[in-house]
Protein backbone atom coordinates (compact mmCIF):
# COMPACT_ATOMS: atom_id res chain seq x y z
CA MET A 1 11.98 -15.58 -20.98
CA ARG A 2 10.95 -17.09 -17.63
CA LYS A 3 11.96 -13.90 -15.80
CA ARG A 4 9.78 -11.86 -18.14
CA VAL A 5 6.77 -14.16 -17.62
CA VAL A 6 7.22 -13.96 -13.84
CA ALA A 7 7.59 -10.17 -14.01
CA VAL A 8 4.38 -9.86 -16.04
CA ALA A 9 2.53 -12.17 -13.65
CA VAL A 10 3.71 -10.12 -10.67
CA ALA A 11 2.72 -6.88 -12.40
CA VAL A 12 -0.78 -8.14 -13.19
CA THR A 13 -1.26 -9.36 -9.64
CA ALA A 14 0.06 -6.05 -8.31
CA ALA A 15 -2.47 -4.17 -10.41
CA ALA A 16 -5.30 -6.17 -8.94
CA THR A 17 -3.86 -5.60 -5.48
CA TRP A 18 -3.69 -1.85 -5.75
CA SER A 19 -7.06 -1.42 -7.43
CA VAL A 20 -8.77 -3.32 -4.64
CA PHE A 21 -6.79 -1.66 -1.87
CA ALA A 22 -7.87 1.78 -3.00
CA ASP A 23 -11.52 0.70 -2.88
CA GLN A 24 -11.35 -0.75 0.66
CA PRO A 25 -13.53 1.06 3.19
CA ALA A 26 -11.92 2.26 6.39
CA ALA A 27 -12.36 -0.12 9.27
CA GLN A 28 -14.77 1.19 11.88
CA GLY A 29 -13.82 0.76 15.49
CA SER A 30 -10.77 -1.38 14.82
CA GLU A 31 -7.22 -0.55 15.70
CA PRO A 32 -4.06 -2.01 14.25
CA ALA A 33 -2.10 -4.30 16.50
CA ALA A 34 -0.12 -2.50 19.15
CA GLN A 35 3.53 -2.01 18.42
CA GLY A 36 5.81 -1.41 21.33
CA SER A 37 3.00 -0.70 23.76
CA ASN A 38 3.56 -1.69 27.38
CA ASP A 39 -0.09 -1.17 28.30
CA ALA A 40 -2.22 -4.10 27.13
CA GLY A 41 -5.29 -1.85 27.03
CA SER A 42 -3.86 0.69 24.61
CA ALA A 43 -3.09 0.16 20.95
CA ALA A 44 -0.36 2.18 19.30
CA ARG A 45 -0.97 3.34 15.75
CA MET A 46 1.09 1.57 13.13
CA THR A 47 3.52 3.82 11.31
CA ASN A 48 5.69 3.42 8.27
CA PRO A 49 9.09 2.37 9.62
CA LEU A 50 10.68 4.24 6.69
CA GLN A 51 8.63 7.43 7.14
CA GLY A 52 10.62 10.56 6.43
CA ARG A 53 13.33 8.70 4.49
CA THR A 54 13.47 11.09 1.55
CA ASP A 55 16.42 9.10 0.19
CA LEU A 56 14.00 6.21 -0.50
CA VAL A 57 11.23 8.15 -2.26
CA GLU A 58 12.69 7.75 -5.76
CA GLU A 59 13.22 4.03 -5.25
CA GLY A 60 9.67 3.72 -3.89
CA ARG A 61 8.36 5.57 -6.95
CA SER A 62 10.24 3.19 -9.22
CA LEU A 63 8.87 0.15 -7.36
CA PHE A 64 5.37 1.64 -7.51
CA ASN A 65 5.66 2.14 -11.26
CA GLN A 66 6.99 -1.39 -11.69
CA TYR A 67 4.31 -3.16 -9.66
CA CYS A 68 1.36 -0.76 -9.63
CA GLY A 69 1.67 1.92 -12.30
CA HIS A 70 -0.10 -0.01 -15.05
CA CYS A 71 -3.31 0.06 -13.02
CA HIS A 72 -2.87 3.22 -10.95
CA ALA A 73 -1.02 5.23 -13.59
CA PRO A 74 2.64 6.13 -13.49
CA ASN A 75 3.57 7.96 -10.32
CA ALA A 76 0.09 7.26 -8.87
CA ALA A 77 -1.41 10.08 -10.96
CA THR A 78 -4.73 8.41 -11.77
CA GLY A 79 -8.02 10.26 -11.78
CA ASP A 80 -10.08 7.13 -11.14
CA ARG A 81 -11.16 7.61 -7.51
CA PRO A 82 -11.42 3.94 -6.49
CA ARG A 83 -7.86 3.43 -7.74
CA ASP A 84 -6.46 6.77 -6.62
CA LEU A 85 -3.80 5.94 -4.07
CA ARG A 86 -3.14 9.64 -3.56
CA ARG A 87 -6.22 9.63 -1.31
CA LEU A 88 -5.09 7.07 1.27
CA THR A 89 -4.67 9.52 4.13
CA LEU A 90 -7.94 11.26 3.23
CA ARG A 91 -9.77 7.93 3.40
CA TYR A 92 -8.00 6.24 6.30
CA GLY A 93 -6.28 9.02 8.23
CA ASP A 94 -3.78 7.72 10.77
CA ASP A 95 -4.87 4.14 9.98
CA ALA A 96 -3.57 4.35 6.38
CA PRO A 97 -0.29 2.48 7.11
CA ALA A 98 -2.10 -0.35 8.91
CA VAL A 99 -4.79 -0.65 6.22
CA PHE A 100 -2.13 -0.53 3.51
CA LEU A 101 0.00 -3.29 5.07
CA ALA A 102 -2.96 -5.52 5.99
CA THR A 103 -4.48 -5.19 2.53
CA LEU A 104 -1.27 -6.03 0.72
CA ASN A 105 -0.36 -8.90 3.04
CA ASN A 106 -3.81 -10.52 3.24
CA GLY A 107 -5.34 -9.46 -0.07
CA ARG A 108 -9.04 -9.03 -0.74
CA VAL A 109 -9.87 -12.10 -2.76
CA GLU A 110 -13.53 -11.09 -3.11
CA LYS A 111 -12.34 -7.99 -5.01
CA GLY A 112 -9.81 -9.88 -7.10
CA MET A 113 -6.77 -8.98 -5.03
CA PRO A 114 -4.49 -11.83 -3.99
CA PRO A 115 -2.37 -11.75 -0.85
CA TRP A 116 1.13 -10.39 -1.43
CA LYS A 117 2.77 -11.52 1.79
CA SER A 118 4.77 -14.24 0.07
CA VAL A 119 5.58 -12.12 -3.01
CA LEU A 120 6.69 -8.70 -1.77
CA SER A 121 8.83 -8.21 1.31
CA ASP A 122 7.73 -5.78 4.00
CA ASP A 123 10.72 -3.64 3.04
CA ILE A 124 9.52 -3.29 -0.56
CA ILE A 125 5.96 -2.61 0.58
CA TRP A 126 7.12 0.16 2.93
CA ARG A 127 9.35 1.67 0.24
CA ILE A 128 6.30 1.91 -2.03
CA PHE A 129 4.29 3.42 0.82
CA THR A 130 7.13 5.89 1.48
CA PHE A 131 6.68 7.14 -2.08
CA LEU A 132 2.88 7.21 -1.75
CA GLU A 133 3.17 9.35 1.38
CA THR A 134 4.79 12.06 -0.75
CA VAL A 135 1.89 12.25 -3.22
CA GLN A 136 -1.06 12.28 -0.83
CA THR A 137 -3.89 14.71 -1.55
CA LYS A 138 -4.17 17.41 1.09
CA PRO A 139 -7.59 18.10 2.65
């Protein structure tokens, strides 16, 4: 019973997380923290460390449906634009991975989204993002 209550609580929190993330405006003039850059004046774009791992897409889809599907529809197939996570690259371009990770880790309390840093591991977050990369709307 306790596992079910925890699972429901996580699912509800995940729904709030995803609905707020999809509504977040792109940051203007800000770059994600540099990763692996030797030049202090240049910032490297954050990328999904699991990008291209087609073997993880199905698992990412399953995790998405478990944590996010009740708010963003199964398989991210929602028509509600603020919640449509198929538009991440259209909205944020190359900054989508950084916005995605920052939003999930830090939350957006003012929009009802709690921080997920202590709930979901980076690995799970990137597996979900790996799935989302496969369903992005093309310009």
